[in-house]
Amino acid sequence: MVNADLSIFVEEFANCVMAQDEAIALGNSTAGNEFARRYVAAFDTIRSYGNSGRDALACLLEDTRPSVKVMAAAFLLRHCGPKAIQILESEARGQGLVAFGAAQALRRWKEGTWSLDPA
């Protein structure tokens, strides 16, 4: 069972990813950037719980919304390597911003410059 506090931050992460997508679709990069700051802040809090926080966020790897699934996979590459890589590779084969984001996360991971969740 996910800690109640953690579930609030996992939900914030997912909601802000979707809100960023909507803001970008409307051409509002300022709002998009604010939502990005918010999901990064949610992840920072989730990360403060250690691996139990990362495990809680991993539920989003099964999310039906590609943006949410890809963003969670990108942040969880170190913690959920094979599963996260599988998701990113699958989504990177598509078209659009989600596919581009997935491909970029994989690229950074493979070249060793990925740093979303340092050890």
C-alpha atoms as a PDB file:
ATOM      1  CA  MET A   1       0.000   0.000   0.000  1.00  0.00           C
ATOM      2  CA  VAL A   2       1.272   3.456  -0.927  1.00  0.00           C
ATOM      3  CA  ASN A   3       1.823   5.930   1.891  1.00  0.00           C
ATOM      4  CA  ALA A   4      -0.996   8.524   1.799  1.00  0.00           C
ATOM      5  CA  ASP A   5       1.503  11.380   1.666  1.00  0.00           C
ATOM      6  CA  LEU A   6       3.313   9.755  -1.232  1.00  0.00           C
ATOM      7  CA  SER A   7       0.117   9.235  -3.192  1.00  0.00           C
ATOM      8  CA  ILE A   8      -0.526  12.988  -3.060  1.00  0.00           C
ATOM      9  CA  PHE A   9       2.879  13.685  -4.608  1.00  0.00           C
ATOM     10  CA  VAL A  10       2.528  10.913  -7.200  1.00  0.00           C
ATOM     11  CA  GLU A  11      -0.825  12.391  -8.203  1.00  0.00           C
ATOM     12  CA  GLU A  12       0.723  15.883  -8.331  1.00  0.00           C
ATOM     13  CA  PHE A  13       3.495  14.552 -10.583  1.00  0.00           C
ATOM     14  CA  ALA A  14       0.990  12.993 -13.009  1.00  0.00           C
ATOM     15  CA  ASN A  15      -1.381  15.961 -12.991  1.00  0.00           C
ATOM     16  CA  CYS A  16       1.414  18.437 -13.662  1.00  0.00           C
ATOM     17  CA  VAL A  17       2.770  16.348 -16.553  1.00  0.00           C
ATOM     18  CA  MET A  18      -0.683  16.441 -18.146  1.00  0.00           C
ATOM     19  CA  ALA A  19      -1.130  20.142 -17.394  1.00  0.00           C
ATOM     20  CA  GLN A  20       2.233  20.866 -19.017  1.00  0.00           C
ATOM     21  CA  ASP A  21       1.093  19.004 -22.140  1.00  0.00           C
ATOM     22  CA  GLU A  22      -2.114  21.050 -22.259  1.00  0.00           C
ATOM     23  CA  ALA A  23      -0.253  24.341 -21.759  1.00  0.00           C
ATOM     24  CA  ILE A  24       2.199  23.503 -24.533  1.00  0.00           C
ATOM     25  CA  ALA A  25      -0.647  22.495 -26.858  1.00  0.00           C
ATOM     26  CA  LEU A  26      -2.160  25.933 -26.246  1.00  0.00           C
ATOM     27  CA  GLY A  27       1.178  27.610 -26.962  1.00  0.00           C
ATOM     28  CA  ASN A  28       1.683  28.740 -23.361  1.00  0.00           C
ATOM     29  CA  SER A  29       5.296  27.851 -22.643  1.00  0.00           C
ATOM     30  CA  THR A  30       5.332  29.962 -19.459  1.00  0.00           C
ATOM     31  CA  ALA A  31       2.591  27.841 -17.922  1.00  0.00           C
ATOM     32  CA  GLY A  32       4.231  24.705 -19.319  1.00  0.00           C
ATOM     33  CA  ASN A  33       7.473  25.591 -17.570  1.00  0.00           C
ATOM     34  CA  GLU A  34       5.644  26.223 -14.299  1.00  0.00           C
ATOM     35  CA  PHE A  35       4.016  22.790 -14.459  1.00  0.00           C
ATOM     36  CA  ALA A  36       7.434  21.257 -15.194  1.00  0.00           C
ATOM     37  CA  ARG A  37       8.836  22.933 -12.070  1.00  0.00           C
ATOM     38  CA  ARG A  38       5.928  21.520 -10.097  1.00  0.00           C
ATOM     39  CA  TYR A  39       6.396  17.911 -11.225  1.00  0.00           C
ATOM     40  CA  VAL A  40      10.130  18.162 -10.585  1.00  0.00           C
ATOM     41  CA  ALA A  41       9.353  19.471  -7.083  1.00  0.00           C
ATOM     42  CA  ALA A  42       6.899  16.591  -6.570  1.00  0.00           C
ATOM     43  CA  PHE A  43       9.606  14.156  -7.649  1.00  0.00           C
ATOM     44  CA  ASP A  44      12.103  15.745  -5.263  1.00  0.00           C
ATOM     45  CA  THR A  45       9.669  15.120  -2.419  1.00  0.00           C
ATOM     46  CA  ILE A  46       8.967  11.571  -3.618  1.00  0.00           C
ATOM     47  CA  ARG A  47      12.713  10.957  -3.822  1.00  0.00           C
ATOM     48  CA  SER A  48      13.137  12.119  -0.227  1.00  0.00           C
ATOM     49  CA  TYR A  49      11.285   8.931   0.790  1.00  0.00           C
ATOM     50  CA  GLY A  50      14.063   6.867  -0.805  1.00  0.00           C
ATOM     51  CA  ASN A  51      13.243   3.709  -2.701  1.00  0.00           C
ATOM     52  CA  SER A  52       9.774   3.494  -1.181  1.00  0.00           C
ATOM     53  CA  GLY A  53       9.037   6.832  -2.844  1.00  0.00           C
ATOM     54  CA  ARG A  54      10.440   5.633  -6.148  1.00  0.00           C
ATOM     55  CA  ASP A  55       8.382   2.443  -5.829  1.00  0.00           C
ATOM     56  CA  ALA A  56       5.272   4.581  -5.326  1.00  0.00           C
ATOM     57  CA  LEU A  57       6.038   6.596  -8.463  1.00  0.00           C
ATOM     58  CA  ALA A  58       6.594   3.362 -10.391  1.00  0.00           C
ATOM     59  CA  CYS A  59       2.823   2.802 -10.441  1.00  0.00           C
ATOM     60  CA  LEU A  60       2.797   5.463 -13.175  1.00  0.00           C
ATOM     61  CA  LEU A  61       4.771   3.133 -15.428  1.00  0.00           C
ATOM     62  CA  GLU A  62       1.413   1.429 -15.983  1.00  0.00           C
ATOM     63  CA  ASP A  63      -0.492   4.662 -16.609  1.00  0.00           C
ATOM     64  CA  THR A  64      -2.592   4.771 -19.768  1.00  0.00           C
ATOM     65  CA  ARG A  65      -1.480   8.327 -20.594  1.00  0.00           C
ATOM     66  CA  PRO A  66       1.721   8.143 -22.659  1.00  0.00           C
ATOM     67  CA  SER A  67       3.062  11.469 -21.372  1.00  0.00           C
ATOM     68  CA  VAL A  68       2.741  10.391 -17.756  1.00  0.00           C
ATOM     69  CA  LYS A  69       4.197   6.958 -18.413  1.00  0.00           C
ATOM     70  CA  VAL A  70       7.181   8.365 -20.328  1.00  0.00           C
ATOM     71  CA  MET A  71       7.928  11.063 -17.764  1.00  0.00           C
ATOM     72  CA  ALA A  72       7.788   8.541 -14.915  1.00  0.00           C
ATOM     73  CA  ALA A  73      10.045   6.190 -16.891  1.00  0.00           C
ATOM     74  CA  ALA A  74      12.506   9.005 -17.557  1.00  0.00           C
ATOM     75  CA  PHE A  75      12.729   9.848 -13.855  1.00  0.00           C
ATOM     76  CA  LEU A  76      12.924   6.182 -12.813  1.00  0.00           C
ATOM     77  CA  LEU A  77      15.626   4.947 -15.194  1.00  0.00           C
ATOM     78  CA  ARG A  78      18.115   4.267 -12.402  1.00  0.00           C
ATOM     79  CA  HIS A  79      15.544   2.645 -10.112  1.00  0.00           C
ATOM     80  CA  CYS A  80      13.478   0.665 -12.664  1.00  0.00           C
ATOM     81  CA  GLY A  81      16.040   0.309 -15.450  1.00  0.00           C
ATOM     82  CA  PRO A  82      14.770  -2.529 -17.654  1.00  0.00           C
ATOM     83  CA  LYS A  83      11.075  -1.621 -17.328  1.00  0.00           C
ATOM     84  CA  ALA A  84      11.742   2.103 -17.831  1.00  0.00           C
ATOM     85  CA  ILE A  85      13.951   1.417 -20.854  1.00  0.00           C
ATOM     86  CA  GLN A  86      11.288  -0.854 -22.362  1.00  0.00           C
ATOM     87  CA  ILE A  87       8.663   1.894 -22.004  1.00  0.00           C
ATOM     88  CA  LEU A  88      10.923   4.597 -23.409  1.00  0.00           C
ATOM     89  CA  GLU A  89      12.010   2.451 -26.368  1.00  0.00           C
ATOM     90  CA  SER A  90       8.407   1.600 -27.184  1.00  0.00           C
ATOM     91  CA  GLU A  91       7.203   5.195 -26.984  1.00  0.00           C
ATOM     92  CA  ALA A  92      10.262   6.545 -28.853  1.00  0.00           C
ATOM     93  CA  ARG A  93       9.099   4.659 -31.957  1.00  0.00           C
ATOM     94  CA  GLY A  94       6.057   6.910 -32.175  1.00  0.00           C
ATOM     95  CA  GLN A  95       5.579  10.466 -33.370  1.00  0.00           C
ATOM     96  CA  GLY A  96       5.275  13.802 -31.594  1.00  0.00           C
ATOM     97  CA  LEU A  97       6.589  15.310 -28.398  1.00  0.00           C
ATOM     98  CA  VAL A  98       6.136  12.212 -26.248  1.00  0.00           C
ATOM     99  CA  ALA A  99       8.199  10.137 -28.669  1.00  0.00           C
ATOM    100  CA  PHE A 100      10.831  12.865 -28.839  1.00  0.00           C
ATOM    101  CA  GLY A 101      11.015  13.076 -25.038  1.00  0.00           C
ATOM    102  CA  ALA A 102      11.334   9.311 -24.737  1.00  0.00           C
ATOM    103  CA  ALA A 103      14.121   9.234 -27.326  1.00  0.00           C
ATOM    104  CA  GLN A 104      15.973  12.068 -25.597  1.00  0.00           C
ATOM    105  CA  ALA A 105      15.759  10.363 -22.191  1.00  0.00           C
ATOM    106  CA  LEU A 106      17.178   7.168 -23.695  1.00  0.00           C
ATOM    107  CA  ARG A 107      19.910   9.089 -25.464  1.00  0.00           C
ATOM    108  CA  ARG A 108      21.000  10.826 -22.251  1.00  0.00           C
ATOM    109  CA  TRP A 109      20.903   7.518 -20.378  1.00  0.00           C
ATOM    110  CA  LYS A 110      23.034   5.731 -22.961  1.00  0.00           C
ATOM    111  CA  GLU A 111      25.600   8.520 -23.201  1.00  0.00           C
ATOM    112  CA  GLY A 112      25.869   8.738 -19.416  1.00  0.00           C
ATOM    113  CA  THR A 113      24.581  12.299 -19.027  1.00  0.00           C
ATOM    114  CA  TRP A 114      21.183  11.430 -17.532  1.00  0.00           C
ATOM    115  CA  SER A 115      20.819  13.051 -14.110  1.00  0.00           C
ATOM    116  CA  LEU A 116      17.153  13.165 -13.121  1.00  0.00           C
ATOM    117  CA  ASP A 117      17.669  10.951 -10.049  1.00  0.00           C
ATOM    118  CA  PRO A 118      21.326  10.933  -9.010  1.00  0.00           C
ATOM    119  CA  ALA A 119      22.476   8.163  -6.691  1.00  0.00           C
END
